[in-house]
Each structure stands twice: as structure tokens, then as C-alpha cells.
Amino acid sequence: MDQIEANPGLPVRALQEQLQSTYGVSISEEKAFRAKALATKNVAGDYVKQYAALRDYVLELQKTNEGTIVKIDVRVPYEESMQCDEGVKQVSRSINSNWY
């Protein structure tokens, strides 16, 4: 995961070569792809779960701190927004700015 965290754009083939030279193991391209996807998800987090947790977090803050006003300013870099999967787009569309 350190390699993925340091270089998220690391090609699958480069990951295979790195594993071969470092550990002396050969893995298939499919296995390297799945491992990279899992590592990327662990490093970056699951955006869908993070978006879903925002409302619960705000409600808990308001419940425990009466009168709390929460403003959430979410900014996603353009490149990342272009890479978002459909699930994140659906969640972000369903968030209504009046719920907080």
C-alpha cells in the first residue's frame, strides 16, 4: 500500500515488476489489478461511505450540541471529480443542501 499511497497512478505492470524485484514473486496482471484497486480503496477511503456518513455525523453533532449549525464545504479537485464512480454521483445528487 505504501507504493500506491506514494504514487496512485502507478501502472499495474510497474507494480508487477516491483513485486518481482522486491519479493521475487510473479503475479498475474489480473491479480495485480485487483490488489492495486483494493490498496487504492484502502488509501483513499470509500467515498460513498464517507458521503453517507456526513448526514449522520451532522445529526449527532446537533443532537449533542443543541443549536449547532453545520456548514459542509466539499471541494473535489477536477481530476478526481472526473474519476468518481456513479455511486458517488448518485449520493451527491441525493444530498439536499437543506438537511443541515
C-alpha atoms as a PDB file:
ATOM      1  CA  MET A   1       0.000   0.000   0.000  1.00  0.00           C
ATOM      2  CA  ASP A   2       2.934   2.361   0.536  1.00  0.00           C
ATOM      3  CA  GLN A   3       3.673   2.315  -3.192  1.00  0.00           C
ATOM      4  CA  ILE A   4       0.054   3.111  -4.035  1.00  0.00           C
ATOM      5  CA  GLU A   5      -0.096   5.897  -1.450  1.00  0.00           C
ATOM      6  CA  ALA A   6       3.119   7.442  -2.783  1.00  0.00           C
ATOM      7  CA  ASN A   7       2.099   7.048  -6.429  1.00  0.00           C
ATOM      8  CA  PRO A   8      -1.629   6.376  -7.008  1.00  0.00           C
ATOM      9  CA  GLY A   9      -1.091   6.420 -10.775  1.00  0.00           C
ATOM     10  CA  LEU A  10       1.384   3.538 -10.647  1.00  0.00           C
ATOM     11  CA  PRO A  11       0.674   1.302 -13.664  1.00  0.00           C
ATOM     12  CA  VAL A  12      -0.279  -2.306 -12.955  1.00  0.00           C
ATOM     13  CA  ARG A  13       2.700  -3.544 -14.965  1.00  0.00           C
ATOM     14  CA  ALA A  14       5.085  -1.436 -12.844  1.00  0.00           C
ATOM     15  CA  LEU A  15       3.515  -2.886  -9.709  1.00  0.00           C
ATOM     16  CA  GLN A  16       4.101  -6.409 -11.054  1.00  0.00           C
ATOM     17  CA  GLU A  17       7.747  -5.581 -11.792  1.00  0.00           C
ATOM     18  CA  GLN A  18       8.213  -4.049  -8.342  1.00  0.00           C
ATOM     19  CA  LEU A  19       6.847  -7.164  -6.641  1.00  0.00           C
ATOM     20  CA  GLN A  20       9.090  -9.348  -8.786  1.00  0.00           C
ATOM     21  CA  SER A  21      12.256  -7.395  -7.969  1.00  0.00           C
ATOM     22  CA  THR A  22      11.482  -6.796  -4.279  1.00  0.00           C
ATOM     23  CA  TYR A  23       9.962 -10.115  -3.237  1.00  0.00           C
ATOM     24  CA  GLY A  24      10.834 -12.427  -6.109  1.00  0.00           C
ATOM     25  CA  VAL A  25       7.205 -13.274  -6.813  1.00  0.00           C
ATOM     26  CA  SER A  26       5.330 -13.181 -10.077  1.00  0.00           C
ATOM     27  CA  ILE A  27       1.618 -12.415 -10.111  1.00  0.00           C
ATOM     28  CA  SER A  28      -0.827 -12.178 -12.971  1.00  0.00           C
ATOM     29  CA  GLU A  29      -1.902  -8.831 -14.346  1.00  0.00           C
ATOM     30  CA  GLU A  30      -5.448  -9.513 -13.124  1.00  0.00           C
ATOM     31  CA  LYS A  31      -4.246 -10.209  -9.589  1.00  0.00           C
ATOM     32  CA  ALA A  32      -2.048  -7.096  -9.620  1.00  0.00           C
ATOM     33  CA  PHE A  33      -5.016  -5.043 -10.859  1.00  0.00           C
ATOM     34  CA  ARG A  34      -7.274  -6.335  -8.051  1.00  0.00           C
ATOM     35  CA  ALA A  35      -4.545  -5.751  -5.443  1.00  0.00           C
ATOM     36  CA  LYS A  36      -3.999  -2.195  -6.675  1.00  0.00           C
ATOM     37  CA  ALA A  37      -7.744  -1.484  -6.628  1.00  0.00           C
ATOM     38  CA  LEU A  38      -8.014  -2.774  -3.052  1.00  0.00           C
ATOM     39  CA  ALA A  39      -4.953  -0.796  -1.922  1.00  0.00           C
ATOM     40  CA  THR A  40      -6.265   2.363  -3.606  1.00  0.00           C
ATOM     41  CA  LYS A  41      -9.614   1.952  -1.862  1.00  0.00           C
ATOM     42  CA  ASN A  42      -7.869   1.463   1.495  1.00  0.00           C
ATOM     43  CA  VAL A  43      -5.640   4.501   0.989  1.00  0.00           C
ATOM     44  CA  ALA A  44      -8.267   6.856  -0.421  1.00  0.00           C
ATOM     45  CA  GLY A  45     -11.225   5.527   1.518  1.00  0.00           C
ATOM     46  CA  ASP A  46     -14.630   4.640   0.266  1.00  0.00           C
ATOM     47  CA  TYR A  47     -16.177   7.909  -0.966  1.00  0.00           C
ATOM     48  CA  VAL A  48     -19.704   6.541  -0.975  1.00  0.00           C
ATOM     49  CA  LYS A  49     -19.454   5.534   2.691  1.00  0.00           C
ATOM     50  CA  GLN A  50     -17.857   8.868   3.591  1.00  0.00           C
ATOM     51  CA  TYR A  51     -20.647  10.835   1.897  1.00  0.00           C
ATOM     52  CA  ALA A  52     -23.279   8.659   3.552  1.00  0.00           C
ATOM     53  CA  ALA A  53     -21.711   9.254   6.973  1.00  0.00           C
ATOM     54  CA  LEU A  54     -21.845  13.057   6.656  1.00  0.00           C
ATOM     55  CA  ARG A  55     -25.531  13.353   7.444  1.00  0.00           C
ATOM     56  CA  ASP A  56     -25.282  11.017  10.452  1.00  0.00           C
ATOM     57  CA  TYR A  57     -22.317  13.000  11.742  1.00  0.00           C
ATOM     58  CA  VAL A  58     -24.174  16.315  11.419  1.00  0.00           C
ATOM     59  CA  LEU A  59     -27.258  14.917  13.151  1.00  0.00           C
ATOM     60  CA  GLU A  60     -25.138  13.594  16.017  1.00  0.00           C
ATOM     61  CA  LEU A  61     -23.419  16.961  16.411  1.00  0.00           C
ATOM     62  CA  GLN A  62     -26.765  18.743  16.519  1.00  0.00           C
ATOM     63  CA  LYS A  63     -28.201  16.204  18.963  1.00  0.00           C
ATOM     64  CA  THR A  64     -25.328  16.515  21.438  1.00  0.00           C
ATOM     65  CA  ASN A  65     -24.736  20.251  20.975  1.00  0.00           C
ATOM     66  CA  GLU A  66     -28.085  21.992  20.826  1.00  0.00           C
ATOM     67  CA  GLY A  67     -28.132  24.976  18.498  1.00  0.00           C
ATOM     68  CA  THR A  68     -25.196  23.741  16.462  1.00  0.00           C
ATOM     69  CA  ILE A  69     -25.152  24.929  12.881  1.00  0.00           C
ATOM     70  CA  VAL A  70     -23.065  22.872  10.490  1.00  0.00           C
ATOM     71  CA  LYS A  71     -21.888  24.043   7.102  1.00  0.00           C
ATOM     72  CA  ILE A  72     -20.139  21.485   4.934  1.00  0.00           C
ATOM     73  CA  ASP A  73     -17.963  22.818   2.149  1.00  0.00           C
ATOM     74  CA  VAL A  74     -16.940  19.953  -0.107  1.00  0.00           C
ATOM     75  CA  ARG A  75     -14.398  20.665  -2.798  1.00  0.00           C
ATOM     76  CA  VAL A  76     -13.258  17.923  -5.111  1.00  0.00           C
ATOM     77  CA  PRO A  77     -10.356  18.562  -7.485  1.00  0.00           C
ATOM     78  CA  TYR A  78     -11.490  18.440 -11.113  1.00  0.00           C
ATOM     79  CA  GLU A  79      -9.420  15.356 -11.938  1.00  0.00           C
ATOM     80  CA  GLU A  80     -10.865  13.406  -9.023  1.00  0.00           C
ATOM     81  CA  SER A  81     -14.401  14.509  -9.847  1.00  0.00           C
ATOM     82  CA  MET A  82     -13.931  13.118 -13.347  1.00  0.00           C
ATOM     83  CA  GLN A  83     -12.862   9.779 -11.839  1.00  0.00           C
ATOM     84  CA  CYS A  84     -15.749   9.479  -9.368  1.00  0.00           C
ATOM     85  CA  ASP A  85     -17.805   6.386  -9.863  1.00  0.00           C
ATOM     86  CA  GLU A  86     -21.535   6.506 -10.464  1.00  0.00           C
ATOM     87  CA  GLY A  87     -22.293   5.700  -6.808  1.00  0.00           C
ATOM     88  CA  VAL A  88     -20.683   8.899  -5.572  1.00  0.00           C
ATOM     89  CA  LYS A  89     -22.509  10.906  -8.204  1.00  0.00           C
ATOM     90  CA  GLN A  90     -25.817   9.398  -7.099  1.00  0.00           C
ATOM     91  CA  VAL A  91     -25.110  10.076  -3.425  1.00  0.00           C
ATOM     92  CA  SER A  92     -24.014  13.658  -4.073  1.00  0.00           C
ATOM     93  CA  ARG A  93     -27.134  14.281  -6.153  1.00  0.00           C
ATOM     94  CA  SER A  94     -29.319  12.988  -3.343  1.00  0.00           C
ATOM     95  CA  ILE A  95     -27.800  15.285  -0.728  1.00  0.00           C
ATOM     96  CA  ASN A  96     -30.103  18.215  -0.271  1.00  0.00           C
ATOM     97  CA  SER A  97     -28.443  21.399   0.930  1.00  0.00           C
ATOM     98  CA  ASN A  98     -31.317  21.985   3.379  1.00  0.00           C
ATOM     99  CA  TRP A  99     -30.732  18.883   5.507  1.00  0.00           C
ATOM    100  CA  TYR A 100     -28.284  20.574   7.834  1.00  0.00           C
END
